[in-house]
Amino acid sequence: MIHGIGIYMIDVARFKAAARRRGERFYKRLFTEGELSYCLKQRRPEISLSARFAAKVSLFKAFGRAFRYIDVEVLREESGAPVLKVPGLDKTYRFNCSISHTDELSIAETVVERL
């Protein structure tokens, strides 16, 4: 049964400007070490980071409550599909997430299912 659906879109330039204003602490509050390790190696890390941020916010909206950003990790399957990992959360939930981006915008949609 579907528990909730969430969608979030963010302007990449706005995300990059916020990160520049707030510094490294901004990234440490929002992303896991694994996410930072992957994204900061990309040619335009702000795109990958803003896409993961959008995925996390879309999960919060779908679930109906917020978690700490650092407690949600966006991983990639071998195929490249995003996977949301939320340690400590009841195993009766399944998350289906889709992420897309251009140079200007990142968007993510998450469907939360209750098994």
C-alpha atoms as a PDB file:
ATOM      1  CA  MET A   1       0.000   0.000   0.000  1.00  0.00           C
ATOM      2  CA  ILE A   2       1.284   3.486  -0.832  1.00  0.00           C
ATOM      3  CA  HIS A   3       2.106   5.467   2.288  1.00  0.00           C
ATOM      4  CA  GLY A   4       3.026   8.694   0.486  1.00  0.00           C
ATOM      5  CA  ILE A   5       4.489  10.390  -2.560  1.00  0.00           C
ATOM      6  CA  GLY A   6       6.925  13.314  -2.457  1.00  0.00           C
ATOM      7  CA  ILE A   7       8.563  15.445  -5.100  1.00  0.00           C
ATOM      8  CA  TYR A   8      11.146  18.201  -4.785  1.00  0.00           C
ATOM      9  CA  MET A   9      12.976  20.404  -7.271  1.00  0.00           C
ATOM     10  CA  ILE A  10      15.933  22.691  -6.578  1.00  0.00           C
ATOM     11  CA  ASP A  11      17.847  25.244  -8.601  1.00  0.00           C
ATOM     12  CA  VAL A  12      21.463  24.042  -8.896  1.00  0.00           C
ATOM     13  CA  ALA A  13      22.916  27.580  -8.856  1.00  0.00           C
ATOM     14  CA  ARG A  14      20.968  28.433  -5.691  1.00  0.00           C
ATOM     15  CA  PHE A  15      22.186  25.230  -4.022  1.00  0.00           C
ATOM     16  CA  LYS A  16      25.786  26.001  -5.033  1.00  0.00           C
ATOM     17  CA  ALA A  17      25.499  29.569  -3.688  1.00  0.00           C
ATOM     18  CA  ALA A  18      24.159  28.313  -0.335  1.00  0.00           C
ATOM     19  CA  ALA A  19      27.043  25.838  -0.083  1.00  0.00           C
ATOM     20  CA  ARG A  20      29.568  28.556  -0.879  1.00  0.00           C
ATOM     21  CA  ARG A  21      28.077  30.890   1.780  1.00  0.00           C
ATOM     22  CA  ARG A  22      27.964  28.249   4.501  1.00  0.00           C
ATOM     23  CA  GLY A  23      31.159  26.372   3.709  1.00  0.00           C
ATOM     24  CA  GLU A  24      32.168  22.797   4.427  1.00  0.00           C
ATOM     25  CA  ARG A  25      29.874  22.589   7.441  1.00  0.00           C
ATOM     26  CA  PHE A  26      26.909  22.824   5.037  1.00  0.00           C
ATOM     27  CA  TYR A  27      27.955  19.619   3.273  1.00  0.00           C
ATOM     28  CA  LYS A  28      28.770  17.779   6.512  1.00  0.00           C
ATOM     29  CA  ARG A  29      25.275  18.499   7.857  1.00  0.00           C
ATOM     30  CA  LEU A  30      23.494  17.270   4.723  1.00  0.00           C
ATOM     31  CA  PHE A  31      25.535  14.395   3.303  1.00  0.00           C
ATOM     32  CA  THR A  32      27.226  11.190   4.432  1.00  0.00           C
ATOM     33  CA  GLU A  33      30.916  10.595   3.824  1.00  0.00           C
ATOM     34  CA  GLY A  34      30.020   8.125   1.064  1.00  0.00           C
ATOM     35  CA  GLU A  35      27.827  10.655  -0.723  1.00  0.00           C
ATOM     36  CA  LEU A  36      30.491  13.347  -0.484  1.00  0.00           C
ATOM     37  CA  SER A  37      33.202  10.969  -1.663  1.00  0.00           C
ATOM     38  CA  TYR A  38      31.206  10.089  -4.783  1.00  0.00           C
ATOM     39  CA  CYS A  39      29.805  13.535  -5.617  1.00  0.00           C
ATOM     40  CA  LEU A  40      32.951  15.601  -5.076  1.00  0.00           C
ATOM     41  CA  LYS A  41      34.738  13.496  -7.715  1.00  0.00           C
ATOM     42  CA  GLN A  42      32.201  14.506 -10.375  1.00  0.00           C
ATOM     43  CA  ARG A  43      32.948  17.201 -12.933  1.00  0.00           C
ATOM     44  CA  ARG A  44      30.122  19.364 -11.509  1.00  0.00           C
ATOM     45  CA  PRO A  45      29.645  18.156  -7.920  1.00  0.00           C
ATOM     46  CA  GLU A  46      26.901  20.704  -7.228  1.00  0.00           C
ATOM     47  CA  ILE A  47      24.623  18.846  -9.659  1.00  0.00           C
ATOM     48  CA  SER A  48      25.112  15.464  -7.982  1.00  0.00           C
ATOM     49  CA  LEU A  49      24.821  16.972  -4.501  1.00  0.00           C
ATOM     50  CA  SER A  50      21.696  18.988  -5.293  1.00  0.00           C
ATOM     51  CA  ALA A  51      20.104  15.869  -6.825  1.00  0.00           C
ATOM     52  CA  ARG A  52      20.761  13.914  -3.634  1.00  0.00           C
ATOM     53  CA  PHE A  53      19.416  16.779  -1.554  1.00  0.00           C
ATOM     54  CA  ALA A  54      16.241  16.749  -3.677  1.00  0.00           C
ATOM     55  CA  ALA A  55      15.928  12.982  -3.138  1.00  0.00           C
ATOM     56  CA  LYS A  56      16.174  13.392   0.632  1.00  0.00           C
ATOM     57  CA  VAL A  57      13.563  16.167   0.739  1.00  0.00           C
ATOM     58  CA  SER A  58      11.217  14.184  -1.523  1.00  0.00           C
ATOM     59  CA  LEU A  59      11.521  11.277   0.945  1.00  0.00           C
ATOM     60  CA  PHE A  60      10.647  13.578   3.857  1.00  0.00           C
ATOM     61  CA  LYS A  61       7.566  14.787   1.986  1.00  0.00           C
ATOM     62  CA  ALA A  62       6.488  11.264   1.023  1.00  0.00           C
ATOM     63  CA  PHE A  63       7.024   9.925   4.515  1.00  0.00           C
ATOM     64  CA  GLY A  64       5.227  12.835   6.146  1.00  0.00           C
ATOM     65  CA  ARG A  65       8.046  13.800   8.482  1.00  0.00           C
ATOM     66  CA  ALA A  66      11.653  14.897   8.404  1.00  0.00           C
ATOM     67  CA  PHE A  67      14.694  12.924   9.429  1.00  0.00           C
ATOM     68  CA  ARG A  68      18.149  14.334   9.915  1.00  0.00           C
ATOM     69  CA  TYR A  69      19.639  14.731   6.442  1.00  0.00           C
ATOM     70  CA  ILE A  70      22.738  12.841   7.509  1.00  0.00           C
ATOM     71  CA  ASP A  71      20.538   9.860   8.516  1.00  0.00           C
ATOM     72  CA  VAL A  72      19.385   9.321   4.929  1.00  0.00           C
ATOM     73  CA  GLU A  73      21.880   8.112   2.346  1.00  0.00           C
ATOM     74  CA  VAL A  74      21.350   8.116  -1.406  1.00  0.00           C
ATOM     75  CA  LEU A  75      23.240   5.236  -2.971  1.00  0.00           C
ATOM     76  CA  ARG A  76      23.421   3.929  -6.531  1.00  0.00           C
ATOM     77  CA  GLU A  77      22.657   0.449  -7.790  1.00  0.00           C
ATOM     78  CA  GLU A  78      24.987  -1.009 -10.429  1.00  0.00           C
ATOM     79  CA  SER A  79      22.489   0.170 -13.043  1.00  0.00           C
ATOM     80  CA  GLY A  80      22.800   3.727 -11.714  1.00  0.00           C
ATOM     81  CA  ALA A  81      19.312   3.757 -10.180  1.00  0.00           C
ATOM     82  CA  PRO A  82      19.096   5.639  -6.874  1.00  0.00           C
ATOM     83  CA  VAL A  83      18.498   3.757  -3.634  1.00  0.00           C
ATOM     84  CA  LEU A  84      17.489   5.431  -0.380  1.00  0.00           C
ATOM     85  CA  LYS A  85      18.992   3.976   2.784  1.00  0.00           C
ATOM     86  CA  VAL A  86      17.456   4.970   6.135  1.00  0.00           C
ATOM     87  CA  PRO A  87      19.122   2.957   8.934  1.00  0.00           C
ATOM     88  CA  GLY A  88      17.007   2.251  11.966  1.00  0.00           C
ATOM     89  CA  LEU A  89      13.704   2.727  10.162  1.00  0.00           C
ATOM     90  CA  ASP A  90      11.073   0.007  10.367  1.00  0.00           C
ATOM     91  CA  LYS A  91      11.709  -2.601   7.630  1.00  0.00           C
ATOM     92  CA  THR A  92       8.043  -2.508   6.609  1.00  0.00           C
ATOM     93  CA  TYR A  93       8.729   0.447   4.313  1.00  0.00           C
ATOM     94  CA  ARG A  94      10.058   0.360   0.754  1.00  0.00           C
ATOM     95  CA  PHE A  95      11.276   3.463  -1.073  1.00  0.00           C
ATOM     96  CA  ASN A  96      11.131   3.995  -4.817  1.00  0.00           C
ATOM     97  CA  CYS A  97      13.079   7.051  -5.889  1.00  0.00           C
ATOM     98  CA  SER A  98      13.711   8.688  -9.235  1.00  0.00           C
ATOM     99  CA  ILE A  99      16.223  11.500  -9.730  1.00  0.00           C
ATOM    100  CA  SER A 100      16.800  13.683 -12.766  1.00  0.00           C
ATOM    101  CA  HIS A 101      18.736  16.857 -13.444  1.00  0.00           C
ATOM    102  CA  THR A 102      19.877  19.358 -16.012  1.00  0.00           C
ATOM    103  CA  ASP A 103      22.682  21.862 -15.593  1.00  0.00           C
ATOM    104  CA  GLU A 104      20.155  24.215 -13.972  1.00  0.00           C
ATOM    105  CA  LEU A 105      17.679  22.039 -12.035  1.00  0.00           C
ATOM    106  CA  SER A 106      17.644  18.854  -9.960  1.00  0.00           C
ATOM    107  CA  ILE A 107      14.410  17.008  -9.246  1.00  0.00           C
ATOM    108  CA  ALA A 108      13.525  13.863  -7.334  1.00  0.00           C
ATOM    109  CA  GLU A 109      10.336  11.948  -6.683  1.00  0.00           C
ATOM    110  CA  THR A 110       9.926   9.297  -3.996  1.00  0.00           C
ATOM    111  CA  VAL A 111       7.110   6.840  -3.422  1.00  0.00           C
ATOM    112  CA  VAL A 112       6.988   5.262   0.043  1.00  0.00           C
ATOM    113  CA  GLU A 113       5.227   1.915   0.260  1.00  0.00           C
ATOM    114  CA  ARG A 114       4.123   0.184   3.429  1.00  0.00           C
ATOM    115  CA  LEU A 115       4.613  -3.565   3.025  1.00  0.00           C
END
